[in-house]
Amino acid sequence: MQGSIPIKELKNILLALGGKVSKEIKRQKLAELATEKRKIINSKDVEDIVLRQKHREELDKKIRLVFSDICGNGEAGITLHNLKRRHVEIGLDYSEQELEAMINDVDLDGDRVVTLDDFKYALGFTGGQD
């Protein structure tokens, strides 16, 4: 079939594209191909992978912007203080206990600071270029 290549060449194609495709996207595509019992990929498959990665990168940028906005002043994490400040700025009225609960729900290591990794994990976004 013209324009098709063996699945085993997927890694080489992705490297030729700059190797910037997450493991999660590669696994998803390979699982789809396995479900379809296909042993070759075509240009549509490669296009799909590239579009998924582009979407993932755009989403990562947006998540980082929101995280940065909440942190304020280039801080490394979301604390009770900056979460409270941001809520007041946008007109939300949560008690200190509610804000503490929000942080505790998302803070994975219990240090009372939500890191970017904590934030991404809470949003279901578990990786970057892995």
Foldseek 3Di string as FASTA:
>chain_A
DPQKDFPVCVCVVCVVVVLQFAPVLVVVLVVVCVVVVHGIDGPVSVVVRVVVLVVLVVVLVVLVVVQDQQCDPPDQFHALVSVVVVCVVVPHDDDSVVSQVVQVVQDPPPPRTHGSCSSCVVVVNHDGRD
